[in-house]
Amino acid sequence: MTIHDVIRRPVVTEKALTRKEEEATLCFEVAAEANKTQVKQAVEKLFKVKVSDVRTSNFEGKMRRRGRFSGYRPDWKKAYVRLKPGQKMPEYAEI
């Protein structure tokens, strides 16, 4: 997998932006089959920063209905990437 296959998109929510400012932690949606080592290497290469640790969590897709039609949202994986102290925080979201 390439780095763009591993990291799908940044998660831009209130909680993610708070963690980014206070804890120097970035939040990304990543490929479901990507492991922590691949996520760490992709972030270091893409943003040119040093990564301290990576935490991941898997989410099951919820059932959603549109009238009488029902279906499931896709399953996805989220990664919290903490940067080493002294690293410059990359700006990928402007409020």
PDB file of N, CA and C in Angstrom:
ATOM      1  N   MET A   1       0.832  -1.187   0.000  1.00  0.00           N
ATOM      2  CA  MET A   1       0.000   0.000   0.000  1.00  0.00           C
ATOM      3  C   MET A   1       0.877   1.251   0.000  1.00  0.00           C
ATOM      4  N   THR A   2       0.421   2.267  -0.693  1.00  0.00           N
ATOM      5  CA  THR A   2       1.121   3.548  -0.674  1.00  0.00           C
ATOM      6  C   THR A   2       0.630   4.361   0.525  1.00  0.00           C
ATOM      7  N   ILE A   3       1.301   5.489   0.788  1.00  0.00           N
ATOM      8  CA  ILE A   3       0.896   6.299   1.936  1.00  0.00           C
ATOM      9  C   ILE A   3      -0.502   6.881   1.755  1.00  0.00           C
ATOM     10  N   HIS A   4      -0.897   7.107   0.510  1.00  0.00           N
ATOM     11  CA  HIS A   4      -2.234   7.647   0.257  1.00  0.00           C
ATOM     12  C   HIS A   4      -3.304   6.567   0.345  1.00  0.00           C
ATOM     13  N   ASP A   5      -2.914   5.302   0.238  1.00  0.00           N
ATOM     14  CA  ASP A   5      -3.853   4.208   0.475  1.00  0.00           C
ATOM     15  C   ASP A   5      -4.056   3.979   1.965  1.00  0.00           C
ATOM     16  N   VAL A   6      -3.003   4.171   2.745  1.00  0.00           N
ATOM     17  CA  VAL A   6      -3.072   3.956   4.188  1.00  0.00           C
ATOM     18  C   VAL A   6      -3.905   5.048   4.843  1.00  0.00           C
ATOM     19  N   ILE A   7      -3.584   6.321   4.573  1.00  0.00           N
ATOM     20  CA  ILE A   7      -4.308   7.442   5.172  1.00  0.00           C
ATOM     21  C   ILE A   7      -5.382   7.889   4.186  1.00  0.00           C
ATOM     22  N   ARG A   8      -6.634   7.706   4.572  1.00  0.00           N
ATOM     23  CA  ARG A   8      -7.730   8.066   3.682  1.00  0.00           C
ATOM     24  C   ARG A   8      -8.056   9.551   3.762  1.00  0.00           C
ATOM     25  N   ARG A   9      -8.286  10.054   4.999  1.00  0.00           N
ATOM     26  CA  ARG A   9      -8.636  11.465   5.177  1.00  0.00           C
ATOM     27  C   ARG A   9      -8.470  11.826   6.645  1.00  0.00           C
ATOM     28  N   PRO A  10      -8.264  13.109   6.933  1.00  0.00           N
ATOM     29  CA  PRO A  10      -8.251  13.520   8.342  1.00  0.00           C
ATOM     30  C   PRO A  10      -9.675  13.578   8.883  1.00  0.00           C
ATOM     31  N   VAL A  11      -9.818  13.264  10.157  1.00  0.00           N
ATOM     32  CA  VAL A  11     -11.108  13.374  10.823  1.00  0.00           C
ATOM     33  C   VAL A  11     -11.155  14.759  11.458  1.00  0.00           C
ATOM     34  N   VAL A  12     -12.055  15.613  10.968  1.00  0.00           N
ATOM     35  CA  VAL A  12     -12.158  16.989  11.444  1.00  0.00           C
ATOM     36  C   VAL A  12     -13.464  17.136  12.226  1.00  0.00           C
ATOM     37  N   THR A  13     -13.380  16.903  13.532  1.00  0.00           N
ATOM     38  CA  THR A  13     -14.507  17.070  14.432  1.00  0.00           C
ATOM     39  C   THR A  13     -14.036  17.937  15.600  1.00  0.00           C
ATOM     40  N   GLU A  14     -14.958  18.339  16.455  1.00  0.00           N
ATOM     41  CA  GLU A  14     -14.580  19.138  17.612  1.00  0.00           C
ATOM     42  C   GLU A  14     -13.602  18.377  18.505  1.00  0.00           C
ATOM     43  N   LYS A  15     -13.893  17.113  18.745  1.00  0.00           N
ATOM     44  CA  LYS A  15     -13.044  16.293  19.604  1.00  0.00           C
ATOM     45  C   LYS A  15     -11.648  16.132  19.000  1.00  0.00           C
ATOM     46  N   ALA A  16     -11.579  15.891  17.699  1.00  0.00           N
ATOM     47  CA  ALA A  16     -10.288  15.712  17.035  1.00  0.00           C
ATOM     48  C   ALA A  16      -9.472  17.007  17.043  1.00  0.00           C
ATOM     49  N   LEU A  17     -10.125  18.142  16.818  1.00  0.00           N
ATOM     50  CA  LEU A  17      -9.406  19.415  16.822  1.00  0.00           C
ATOM     51  C   LEU A  17      -8.936  19.790  18.223  1.00  0.00           C
ATOM     52  N   THR A  18      -9.709  19.447  19.252  1.00  0.00           N
ATOM     53  CA  THR A  18      -9.288  19.689  20.630  1.00  0.00           C
ATOM     54  C   THR A  18      -8.064  18.853  20.969  1.00  0.00           C
ATOM     55  N   ARG A  19      -8.075  17.579  20.579  1.00  0.00           N
ATOM     56  CA  ARG A  19      -6.906  16.718  20.818  1.00  0.00           C
ATOM     57  C   ARG A  19      -5.689  17.210  20.053  1.00  0.00           C
ATOM     58  N   LYS A  20      -5.919  17.738  18.865  1.00  0.00           N
ATOM     59  CA  LYS A  20      -4.818  18.261  18.064  1.00  0.00           C
ATOM     60  C   LYS A  20      -4.151  19.432  18.770  1.00  0.00           C
ATOM     61  N   GLU A  21      -4.947  20.348  19.319  1.00  0.00           N
ATOM     62  CA  GLU A  21      -4.389  21.535  19.970  1.00  0.00           C
ATOM     63  C   GLU A  21      -3.791  21.230  21.335  1.00  0.00           C
ATOM     64  N   GLU A  22      -4.466  20.421  22.148  1.00  0.00           N
ATOM     65  CA  GLU A  22      -4.047  20.214  23.528  1.00  0.00           C
ATOM     66  C   GLU A  22      -3.064  19.071  23.714  1.00  0.00           C
ATOM     67  N   GLU A  23      -3.195  18.005  22.943  1.00  0.00           N
ATOM     68  CA  GLU A  23      -2.392  16.804  23.165  1.00  0.00           C
ATOM     69  C   GLU A  23      -1.411  16.503  22.035  1.00  0.00           C
ATOM     70  N   ALA A  24      -1.327  17.349  21.020  1.00  0.00           N
ATOM     71  CA  ALA A  24      -0.465  17.119  19.849  1.00  0.00           C
ATOM     72  C   ALA A  24      -0.766  15.766  19.213  1.00  0.00           C
ATOM     73  N   THR A  25      -2.062  15.472  19.058  1.00  0.00           N
ATOM     74  CA  THR A  25      -2.499  14.203  18.494  1.00  0.00           C
ATOM     75  C   THR A  25      -3.330  14.456  17.245  1.00  0.00           C
ATOM     76  N   LEU A  26      -2.975  13.800  16.151  1.00  0.00           N
ATOM     77  CA  LEU A  26      -3.710  13.906  14.893  1.00  0.00           C
ATOM     78  C   LEU A  26      -4.664  12.727  14.775  1.00  0.00           C
ATOM     79  N   CYS A  27      -5.770  12.925  14.077  1.00  0.00           N
ATOM     80  CA  CYS A  27      -6.783  11.895  13.938  1.00  0.00           C
ATOM     81  C   CYS A  27      -7.064  11.681  12.446  1.00  0.00           C
ATOM     82  N   PHE A  28      -6.980  10.426  12.005  1.00  0.00           N
ATOM     83  CA  PHE A  28      -7.172  10.104  10.589  1.00  0.00           C
ATOM     84  C   PHE A  28      -8.097   8.911  10.433  1.00  0.00           C
ATOM     85  N   GLU A  29      -8.824   8.892   9.304  1.00  0.00           N
ATOM     86  CA  GLU A  29      -9.478   7.664   8.865  1.00  0.00           C
ATOM     87  C   GLU A  29      -8.448   6.926   8.032  1.00  0.00           C
ATOM     88  N   VAL A  30      -8.205   5.665   8.372  1.00  0.00           N
ATOM     89  CA  VAL A  30      -7.173   4.886   7.693  1.00  0.00           C
ATOM     90  C   VAL A  30      -7.793   3.641   7.084  1.00  0.00           C
ATOM     91  N   ALA A  31      -7.021   2.974   6.240  1.00  0.00           N
ATOM     92  CA  ALA A  31      -7.482   1.736   5.614  1.00  0.00           C
ATOM     93  C   ALA A  31      -7.679   0.675   6.692  1.00  0.00           C
ATOM     94  N   ALA A  32      -8.706  -0.137   6.534  1.00  0.00           N
ATOM     95  CA  ALA A  32      -9.045  -1.145   7.542  1.00  0.00           C
ATOM     96  C   ALA A  32      -7.943  -2.187   7.704  1.00  0.00           C
ATOM     97  N   GLU A  33      -7.204  -2.458   6.644  1.00  0.00           N
ATOM     98  CA  GLU A  33      -6.161  -3.478   6.720  1.00  0.00           C
ATOM     99  C   GLU A  33      -4.789  -2.898   7.089  1.00  0.00           C
ATOM    100  N   ALA A  34      -4.712  -1.596   7.319  1.00  0.00           N
ATOM    101  CA  ALA A  34      -3.441  -0.959   7.694  1.00  0.00           C
ATOM    102  C   ALA A  34      -3.147  -1.209   9.173  1.00  0.00           C
ATOM    103  N   ASN A  35      -1.872  -1.498   9.479  1.00  0.00           N
ATOM    104  CA  ASN A  35      -1.494  -1.680  10.873  1.00  0.00           C
ATOM    105  C   ASN A  35      -0.819  -0.414  11.403  1.00  0.00           C
ATOM    106  N   LYS A  36      -0.470  -0.416  12.693  1.00  0.00           N
ATOM    107  CA  LYS A  36       0.068   0.778  13.337  1.00  0.00           C
ATOM    108  C   LYS A  36       1.409   1.204  12.734  1.00  0.00           C
ATOM    109  N   THR A  37       2.228   0.254  12.358  1.00  0.00           N
ATOM    110  CA  THR A  37       3.528   0.574  11.763  1.00  0.00           C
ATOM    111  C   THR A  37       3.353   1.280  10.425  1.00  0.00           C
ATOM    112  N   GLN A  38       2.438   0.801   9.605  1.00  0.00           N
ATOM    113  CA  GLN A  38       2.182   1.436   8.318  1.00  0.00           C
ATOM    114  C   GLN A  38       1.625   2.842   8.493  1.00  0.00           C
ATOM    115  N   VAL A  39       0.741   3.041   9.476  1.00  0.00           N
ATOM    116  CA  VAL A  39       0.180   4.367   9.736  1.00  0.00           C
ATOM    117  C   VAL A  39       1.287   5.314  10.189  1.00  0.00           C
ATOM    118  N   LYS A  40       2.156   4.853  11.075  1.00  0.00           N
ATOM    119  CA  LYS A  40       3.264   5.681  11.569  1.00  0.00           C
ATOM    120  C   LYS A  40       4.184   6.099  10.432  1.00  0.00           C
ATOM    121  N   GLN A  41       4.568   5.161   9.578  1.00  0.00           N
ATOM    122  CA  GLN A  41       5.457   5.477   8.458  1.00  0.00           C
ATOM    123  C   GLN A  41       4.790   6.430   7.475  1.00  0.00           C
ATOM    124  N   ALA A  42       3.496   6.249   7.216  1.00  0.00           N
ATOM    125  CA  ALA A  42       2.784   7.114   6.271  1.00  0.00           C
ATOM    126  C   ALA A  42       2.701   8.545   6.783  1.00  0.00           C
ATOM    127  N   VAL A  43       2.401   8.729   8.070  1.00  0.00           N
ATOM    128  CA  VAL A  43       2.302  10.076   8.636  1.00  0.00           C
ATOM    129  C   VAL A  43       3.669  10.744   8.652  1.00  0.00           C
ATOM    130  N   GLU A  44       4.714  10.011   9.035  1.00  0.00           N
ATOM    131  CA  GLU A  44       6.062  10.584   9.056  1.00  0.00           C
ATOM    132  C   GLU A  44       6.512  11.012   7.667  1.00  0.00           C
ATOM    133  N   LYS A  45       6.190  10.225   6.666  1.00  0.00           N
ATOM    134  CA  LYS A  45       6.603  10.544   5.303  1.00  0.00           C
ATOM    135  C   LYS A  45       5.769  11.675   4.701  1.00  0.00           C
ATOM    136  N   LEU A  46       4.459  11.664   4.947  1.00  0.00           N
ATOM    137  CA  LEU A  46       3.564  12.636   4.346  1.00  0.00           C
ATOM    138  C   LEU A  46       3.718  14.029   4.962  1.00  0.00           C
ATOM    139  N   PHE A  47       3.819  14.109   6.283  1.00  0.00           N
ATOM    140  CA  PHE A  47       3.870  15.400   6.961  1.00  0.00           C
ATOM    141  C   PHE A  47       5.265  15.795   7.433  1.00  0.00           C
ATOM    142  N   LYS A  48       6.260  14.906   7.267  1.00  0.00           N
ATOM    143  CA  LYS A  48       7.655  15.168   7.665  1.00  0.00           C
ATOM    144  C   LYS A  48       7.748  15.534   9.148  1.00  0.00           C
ATOM    145  N   VAL A  49       7.165  14.694   9.995  1.00  0.00           N
ATOM    146  CA  VAL A  49       7.216  14.851  11.447  1.00  0.00           C
ATOM    147  C   VAL A  49       7.621  13.515  12.066  1.00  0.00           C
ATOM    148  N   LYS A  50       7.961  13.527  13.353  1.00  0.00           N
ATOM    149  CA  LYS A  50       8.290  12.311  14.091  1.00  0.00           C
ATOM    150  C   LYS A  50       7.086  11.911  14.942  1.00  0.00           C
ATOM    151  N   VAL A  51       6.738  10.632  14.887  1.00  0.00           N
ATOM    152  CA  VAL A  51       5.564  10.122  15.581  1.00  0.00           C
ATOM    153  C   VAL A  51       5.992   9.405  16.853  1.00  0.00           C
ATOM    154  N   SER A  52       5.293   9.711  17.948  1.00  0.00           N
ATOM    155  CA  SER A  52       5.571   9.078  19.228  1.00  0.00           C
ATOM    156  C   SER A  52       4.856   7.726  19.333  1.00  0.00           C
ATOM    157  N   ASP A  53       3.533   7.733  19.179  1.00  0.00           N
ATOM    158  CA  ASP A  53       2.786   6.481  19.225  1.00  0.00           C
ATOM    159  C   ASP A  53       1.511   6.588  18.398  1.00  0.00           C
ATOM    160  N   VAL A  54       0.924   5.427  18.105  1.00  0.00           N
ATOM    161  CA  VAL A  54      -0.284   5.336  17.281  1.00  0.00           C
ATOM    162  C   VAL A  54      -1.286   4.445  18.011  1.00  0.00           C
ATOM    163  N   ARG A  55      -2.525   4.908  18.088  1.00  0.00           N
ATOM    164  CA  ARG A  55      -3.623   4.103  18.623  1.00  0.00           C
ATOM    165  C   ARG A  55      -4.679   3.983  17.538  1.00  0.00           C
ATOM    166  N   THR A  56      -5.244   2.801  17.387  1.00  0.00           N
ATOM    167  CA  THR A  56      -6.257   2.593  16.355  1.00  0.00           C
ATOM    168  C   THR A  56      -7.529   2.032  16.981  1.00  0.00           C
ATOM    169  N   SER A  57      -8.647   2.281  16.307  1.00  0.00           N
ATOM    170  CA  SER A  57      -9.917   1.695  16.732  1.00  0.00           C
ATOM    171  C   SER A  57     -10.762   1.420  15.502  1.00  0.00           C
ATOM    172  N   ASN A  58     -11.468   0.289  15.531  1.00  0.00           N
ATOM    173  CA  ASN A  58     -12.340  -0.121  14.434  1.00  0.00           C
ATOM    174  C   ASN A  58     -13.779   0.237  14.762  1.00  0.00           C
ATOM    175  N   PHE A  59     -14.528   0.697  13.758  1.00  0.00           N
ATOM    176  CA  PHE A  59     -15.919   1.064  13.923  1.00  0.00           C
ATOM    177  C   PHE A  59     -16.772   0.260  12.947  1.00  0.00           C
ATOM    178  N   GLU A  60     -17.852  -0.317  13.468  1.00  0.00           N
ATOM    179  CA  GLU A  60     -18.789  -1.025  12.615  1.00  0.00           C
ATOM    180  C   GLU A  60     -19.764  -0.032  12.007  1.00  0.00           C
ATOM    181  N   GLY A  61     -20.156  -0.273  10.759  1.00  0.00           N
ATOM    182  CA  GLY A  61     -21.122   0.590  10.108  1.00  0.00           C
ATOM    183  C   GLY A  61     -22.502   0.450  10.733  1.00  0.00           C
ATOM    184  N   LYS A  62     -23.176   1.574  10.902  1.00  0.00           N
ATOM    185  CA  LYS A  62     -24.512   1.564  11.508  1.00  0.00           C
ATOM    186  C   LYS A  62     -25.572   1.312  10.438  1.00  0.00           C
ATOM    187  N   MET A  63     -26.701   0.757  10.869  1.00  0.00           N
ATOM    188  CA  MET A  63     -27.808   0.560   9.948  1.00  0.00           C
ATOM    189  C   MET A  63     -28.540   1.897   9.777  1.00  0.00           C
ATOM    190  N   ARG A  64     -28.821   2.265   8.542  1.00  0.00           N
ATOM    191  CA  ARG A  64     -29.539   3.498   8.239  1.00  0.00           C
ATOM    192  C   ARG A  64     -30.715   3.175   7.328  1.00  0.00           C
ATOM    193  N   ARG A  65     -31.778   3.940   7.493  1.00  0.00           N
ATOM    194  CA  ARG A  65     -32.991   3.722   6.700  1.00  0.00           C
ATOM    195  C   ARG A  65     -33.325   4.968   5.911  1.00  0.00           C
ATOM    196  N   ARG A  66     -33.852   4.788   4.725  1.00  0.00           N
ATOM    197  CA  ARG A  66     -34.444   5.836   3.906  1.00  0.00           C
ATOM    198  C   ARG A  66     -35.828   5.330   3.538  1.00  0.00           C
ATOM    199  N   GLY A  67     -36.822   5.695   4.327  1.00  0.00           N
ATOM    200  CA  GLY A  67     -38.169   5.186   4.082  1.00  0.00           C
ATOM    201  C   GLY A  67     -38.228   3.705   4.348  1.00  0.00           C
ATOM    202  N   ARG A  68     -38.631   2.945   3.362  1.00  0.00           N
ATOM    203  CA  ARG A  68     -38.712   1.495   3.560  1.00  0.00           C
ATOM    204  C   ARG A  68     -37.411   0.776   3.197  1.00  0.00           C
ATOM    205  N   PHE A  69     -36.445   1.505   2.668  1.00  0.00           N
ATOM    206  CA  PHE A  69     -35.175   0.906   2.271  1.00  0.00           C
ATOM    207  C   PHE A  69     -34.170   1.033   3.416  1.00  0.00           C
ATOM    208  N   SER A  70     -33.472  -0.032   3.704  1.00  0.00           N
ATOM    209  CA  SER A  70     -32.482   0.011   4.774  1.00  0.00           C
ATOM    210  C   SER A  70     -31.154  -0.524   4.256  1.00  0.00           C
ATOM    211  N   GLY A  71     -30.100  -0.080   4.878  1.00  0.00           N
ATOM    212  CA  GLY A  71     -28.764  -0.527   4.504  1.00  0.00           C
ATOM    213  C   GLY A  71     -27.791  -0.164   5.603  1.00  0.00           C
ATOM    214  N   TYR A  72     -26.543  -0.534   5.419  1.00  0.00           N
ATOM    215  CA  TYR A  72     -25.510  -0.276   6.411  1.00  0.00           C
ATOM    216  C   TYR A  72     -24.478   0.683   5.867  1.00  0.00           C
ATOM    217  N   ARG A  73     -23.994   1.560   6.740  1.00  0.00           N
ATOM    218  CA  ARG A  73     -22.847   2.373   6.400  1.00  0.00           C
ATOM    219  C   ARG A  73     -21.619   1.479   6.427  1.00  0.00           C
ATOM    220  N   PRO A  74     -20.562   1.871   5.722  1.00  0.00           N
ATOM    221  CA  PRO A  74     -19.387   0.997   5.693  1.00  0.00           C
ATOM    222  C   PRO A  74     -18.635   0.978   7.028  1.00  0.00           C
ATOM    223  N   ASP A  75     -17.948  -0.139   7.298  1.00  0.00           N
ATOM    224  CA  ASP A  75     -17.054  -0.230   8.447  1.00  0.00           C
ATOM    225  C   ASP A  75     -15.832   0.632   8.158  1.00  0.00           C
ATOM    226  N   TRP A  76     -15.222   1.190   9.225  1.00  0.00           N
ATOM    227  CA  TRP A  76     -14.043   2.023   9.012  1.00  0.00           C
ATOM    228  C   TRP A  76     -13.129   1.966  10.225  1.00  0.00           C
ATOM    229  N   LYS A  77     -11.917   2.469  10.049  1.00  0.00           N
ATOM    230  CA  LYS A  77     -10.895   2.421  11.089  1.00  0.00           C
ATOM    231  C   LYS A  77     -10.348   3.822  11.313  1.00  0.00           C
ATOM    232  N   LYS A  78     -10.167   4.181  12.586  1.00  0.00           N
ATOM    233  CA  LYS A  78      -9.654   5.496  12.948  1.00  0.00           C
ATOM    234  C   LYS A  78      -8.307   5.313  13.646  1.00  0.00           C
ATOM    235  N   ALA A  79      -7.381   6.244  13.385  1.00  0.00           N
ATOM    236  CA  ALA A  79      -6.064   6.209  14.025  1.00  0.00           C
ATOM    237  C   ALA A  79      -5.786   7.538  14.701  1.00  0.00           C
ATOM    238  N   TYR A  80      -5.374   7.471  15.976  1.00  0.00           N
ATOM    239  CA  TYR A  80      -4.903   8.634  16.713  1.00  0.00           C
ATOM    240  C   TYR A  80      -3.379   8.585  16.700  1.00  0.00           C
ATOM    241  N   VAL A  81      -2.752   9.619  16.146  1.00  0.00           N
ATOM    242  CA  VAL A  81      -1.299   9.652  15.985  1.00  0.00           C
ATOM    243  C   VAL A  81      -0.748  10.773  16.854  1.00  0.00           C
ATOM    244  N   ARG A  82       0.027  10.414  17.880  1.00  0.00           N
ATOM    245  CA  ARG A  82       0.629  11.416  18.761  1.00  0.00           C
ATOM    246  C   ARG A  82       2.031  11.736  18.261  1.00  0.00           C
ATOM    247  N   LEU A  83       2.321  13.032  18.175  1.00  0.00           N
ATOM    248  CA  LEU A  83       3.629  13.477  17.714  1.00  0.00           C
ATOM    249  C   LEU A  83       4.589  13.603  18.887  1.00  0.00           C
ATOM    250  N   LYS A  84       5.888  13.490  18.596  1.00  0.00           N
ATOM    251  CA  LYS A  84       6.905  13.665  19.629  1.00  0.00           C
ATOM    252  C   LYS A  84       6.947  15.127  20.057  1.00  0.00           C
ATOM    253  N   PRO A  85       7.345  15.398  21.300  1.00  0.00           N
ATOM    254  CA  PRO A  85       7.425  16.795  21.761  1.00  0.00           C
ATOM    255  C   PRO A  85       8.378  17.614  20.904  1.00  0.00           C
ATOM    256  N   GLY A  86       7.982  18.854  20.613  1.00  0.00           N
ATOM    257  CA  GLY A  86       8.810  19.747  19.807  1.00  0.00           C
ATOM    258  C   GLY A  86       8.543  19.684  18.315  1.00  0.00           C
ATOM    259  N   GLN A  87       7.663  18.780  17.883  1.00  0.00           N
ATOM    260  CA  GLN A  87       7.356  18.674  16.447  1.00  0.00           C
ATOM    261  C   GLN A  87       6.323  19.743  16.076  1.00  0.00           C
ATOM    262  N   LYS A  88       6.487  20.292  14.867  1.00  0.00           N
ATOM    263  CA  LYS A  88       5.552  21.300  14.376  1.00  0.00           C
ATOM    264  C   LYS A  88       4.263  20.613  13.934  1.00  0.00           C
ATOM    265  N   MET A  89       3.131  21.131  14.385  1.00  0.00           N
ATOM    266  CA  MET A  89       1.826  20.547  14.069  1.00  0.00           C
ATOM    267  C   MET A  89       1.443  20.891  12.624  1.00  0.00           C
ATOM    268  N   PRO A  90       1.193  19.877  11.764  1.00  0.00           N
ATOM    269  CA  PRO A  90       0.775  20.178  10.399  1.00  0.00           C
ATOM    270  C   PRO A  90      -0.642  20.748  10.369  1.00  0.00           C
ATOM    271  N   GLU A  91      -0.872  21.685   9.462  1.00  0.00           N
ATOM    272  CA  GLU A  91      -2.189  22.307   9.335  1.00  0.00           C
ATOM    273  C   GLU A  91      -2.912  21.722   8.133  1.00  0.00           C
ATOM    274  N   TYR A  92      -3.895  20.867   8.401  1.00  0.00           N
ATOM    275  CA  TYR A  92      -4.706  20.328   7.328  1.00  0.00           C
ATOM    276  C   TYR A  92      -6.149  20.775   7.445  1.00  0.00           C
ATOM    277  N   ALA A  93      -6.502  21.492   8.513  1.00  0.00           N
ATOM    278  CA  ALA A  93      -7.882  21.962   8.691  1.00  0.00           C
ATOM    279  C   ALA A  93      -7.864  23.371   9.243  1.00  0.00           C
ATOM    280  N   GLU A  94      -8.592  24.233   8.598  1.00  0.00           N
ATOM    281  CA  GLU A  94      -8.742  25.608   9.081  1.00  0.00           C
ATOM    282  C   GLU A  94     -10.176  25.800   9.522  1.00  0.00           C
ATOM    283  N   ILE A  95     -10.346  26.417  10.658  1.00  0.00           N
ATOM    284  CA  ILE A  95     -11.691  26.628  11.194  1.00  0.00           C
ATOM    285  C   ILE A  95     -12.242  27.932  10.669  1.00  0.00           C
TER     286      ILE A  95
END
